[in-house]
Structure formats: structure tokens, C-alpha cells
Amino acid sequence: MDGDETSLRALLQILTEPRRRYALYHLRRHDETTVTRLADNVAGWMDADRDEPLSGQEHVHIYTELHHTDIPRLVAAGIVHLPDDEERVEVVSFPDVLSDLLDVTLEFDDGGM
């Protein structure tokens, strides 16, 4: 049970960052994508919560954070793999508990849309 609790704790920590949640919503539907496409999708989610569109600089920041912070956390958790080209993101494992948690978070993230 301790391993399950650790896994659940790790998943909950992953889900605390909106960029990672938004990325996981996309990855749940697409087993493979590019970092650029993922950043575009995440930016769309983030843009929907704002009165003004994201600037180009903000979009670059999202791409950079995904590439250097968020995707490595997902790799470390065994959810995705980033092949050598470092542009493609491939889903390795999408546990049912993660999908269930995303259903819950989606209700809150989608509430304003």
C-alpha cells in the first residue's frame, strides 16, 4: 500500500501545476505529439482563462517550461518518454488512477469555459 500512496502522492504533485494538467488532458487523447503542439494546446487552455490573448513571449515561456520542467517530471513519473530528438512526446503509461484524477480536475479547469 505504501507504494500506492507514494504513487498517488507523486501524481497529485504532478497535477498541482496547471501546465502539466493541460498537457495531460492532451496526452490522454493523443499517445504521441510534439512539444510544439503540446505547448500550443496548453497555451490555448491558459488563454481561455484570460481576458487578453497570450503574448508571443508568454507562449515561448510555456514551451520552455514544458520542455525543461514539466515534461521531465512526467518522464520521471514514467508517464511519457521524450525520444532522442527531444521534440516528440510519447505516452508510456497512463494509469487508470491518473485518468480518474484528470476527470476530477477537468471539472474544475473546464468550469469557466
Protein backbone atom coordinates (compact mmCIF):
# COMPACT_ATOMS: atom_id res chain seq x y z
CA MET A 1 0.00 0.00 0.00
CA ASP A 2 2.89 2.35 0.75
CA GLY A 3 3.98 2.21 -2.92
CA ASP A 4 0.44 3.06 -3.99
CA GLU A 5 0.35 6.01 -1.59
CA THR A 6 3.68 7.23 -2.92
CA SER A 7 2.44 6.89 -6.47
CA LEU A 8 -0.76 8.74 -5.64
CA ARG A 9 1.21 11.47 -3.87
CA ALA A 10 3.51 11.82 -6.91
CA LEU A 11 0.52 12.04 -9.27
CA LEU A 12 -1.15 14.67 -7.11
CA GLN A 13 2.06 16.72 -7.07
CA ILE A 14 2.21 16.48 -10.85
CA LEU A 15 -1.37 17.68 -11.13
CA THR A 16 -0.81 20.77 -8.97
CA GLU A 17 0.79 22.58 -11.92
CA PRO A 18 -1.85 23.72 -14.46
CA ARG A 19 0.57 23.37 -17.42
CA ARG A 20 1.08 19.70 -16.58
CA ARG A 21 -2.66 19.11 -16.16
CA TYR A 22 -3.38 20.76 -19.50
CA ALA A 23 -0.60 18.74 -21.13
CA LEU A 24 -2.02 15.54 -19.63
CA TYR A 25 -5.51 16.34 -20.94
CA HIS A 26 -3.97 16.45 -24.41
CA LEU A 27 -1.78 13.38 -23.90
CA ARG A 28 -4.73 11.36 -22.64
CA ARG A 29 -6.29 11.77 -26.09
CA HIS A 30 -3.10 11.56 -28.17
CA ASP A 31 -0.49 8.88 -27.49
CA GLU A 32 2.14 10.88 -29.34
CA THR A 33 2.56 14.58 -30.02
CA THR A 34 5.28 17.19 -30.39
CA VAL A 35 6.42 19.59 -27.71
CA THR A 36 5.36 22.44 -30.01
CA ARG A 37 1.84 21.04 -30.47
CA LEU A 38 1.62 20.36 -26.75
CA ALA A 39 2.70 23.94 -25.96
CA ASP A 40 0.10 25.27 -28.40
CA ASN A 41 -2.60 23.19 -26.72
CA VAL A 42 -1.52 24.24 -23.22
CA ALA A 43 -1.40 27.87 -24.33
CA GLY A 44 -4.97 27.52 -25.61
CA TRP A 45 -6.12 26.32 -22.21
CA MET A 46 -4.26 29.12 -20.45
CA ASP A 47 -5.51 31.69 -22.95
CA ALA A 48 -9.12 30.68 -22.29
CA ASP A 49 -8.80 31.83 -18.68
CA ARG A 50 -7.66 35.32 -19.61
CA ASP A 51 -9.24 38.50 -20.90
CA GLU A 52 -6.31 39.18 -23.25
CA PRO A 53 -4.55 36.69 -25.56
CA LEU A 54 -1.18 35.35 -24.51
CA SER A 55 1.75 37.27 -25.90
CA GLY A 56 4.39 35.60 -28.03
CA GLN A 57 6.79 35.85 -25.11
CA GLU A 58 4.31 34.08 -22.83
CA HIS A 59 3.87 31.35 -25.42
CA VAL A 60 7.64 30.84 -25.59
CA HIS A 61 7.70 30.69 -21.78
CA ILE A 62 5.08 27.91 -21.83
CA TYR A 63 7.11 25.94 -24.39
CA THR A 64 10.29 26.39 -22.34
CA GLU A 65 8.66 25.36 -19.06
CA LEU A 66 7.07 22.31 -20.67
CA HIS A 67 10.34 21.26 -22.28
CA HIS A 68 12.63 21.85 -19.32
CA THR A 69 10.40 21.35 -16.28
CA ASP A 70 7.03 19.71 -16.88
CA ILE A 71 7.87 17.01 -19.42
CA PRO A 72 10.92 15.86 -17.40
CA ARG A 73 8.60 15.45 -14.37
CA LEU A 74 6.25 13.34 -16.50
CA VAL A 75 9.22 11.32 -17.77
CA ALA A 76 10.45 10.75 -14.20
CA ALA A 77 6.96 9.54 -13.23
CA GLY A 78 7.03 7.03 -16.11
CA ILE A 79 4.06 8.62 -17.87
CA VAL A 80 5.81 9.82 -21.04
CA HIS A 81 9.03 9.29 -22.97
CA LEU A 82 10.95 12.00 -24.78
CA PRO A 83 12.92 10.34 -27.61
CA ASP A 84 16.38 11.49 -28.61
CA ASP A 85 15.04 14.14 -30.98
CA GLU A 86 13.55 15.84 -27.89
CA GLU A 87 10.62 17.17 -29.90
CA ARG A 88 8.27 14.19 -29.82
CA VAL A 89 6.50 13.20 -26.64
CA GLU A 90 5.20 9.63 -26.39
CA VAL A 91 2.86 8.26 -23.73
CA VAL A 92 4.42 5.27 -21.97
CA SER A 93 1.81 4.60 -19.29
CA PHE A 94 -1.42 6.32 -18.41
CA PRO A 95 -2.63 4.68 -15.18
CA ASP A 96 -6.36 4.49 -14.56
CA VAL A 97 -5.93 6.46 -11.34
CA LEU A 98 -4.36 9.31 -13.32
CA SER A 99 -7.23 9.29 -15.77
CA ASP A 100 -9.70 9.33 -12.86
CA LEU A 101 -7.89 12.25 -11.24
CA LEU A 102 -7.88 14.13 -14.55
CA ASP A 103 -11.65 13.66 -14.81
CA VAL A 104 -11.98 15.41 -11.45
CA THR A 105 -9.54 18.23 -12.25
CA LEU A 106 -11.13 18.74 -15.66
CA GLU A 107 -14.43 19.57 -13.99
CA PHE A 108 -12.70 22.46 -12.20
CA ASP A 109 -10.47 23.55 -15.09
CA ASP A 110 -13.35 23.42 -17.55
CA GLY A 111 -15.79 25.13 -15.19
CA GLY A 112 -15.07 28.59 -16.55
CA MET A 113 -15.39 27.57 -20.19
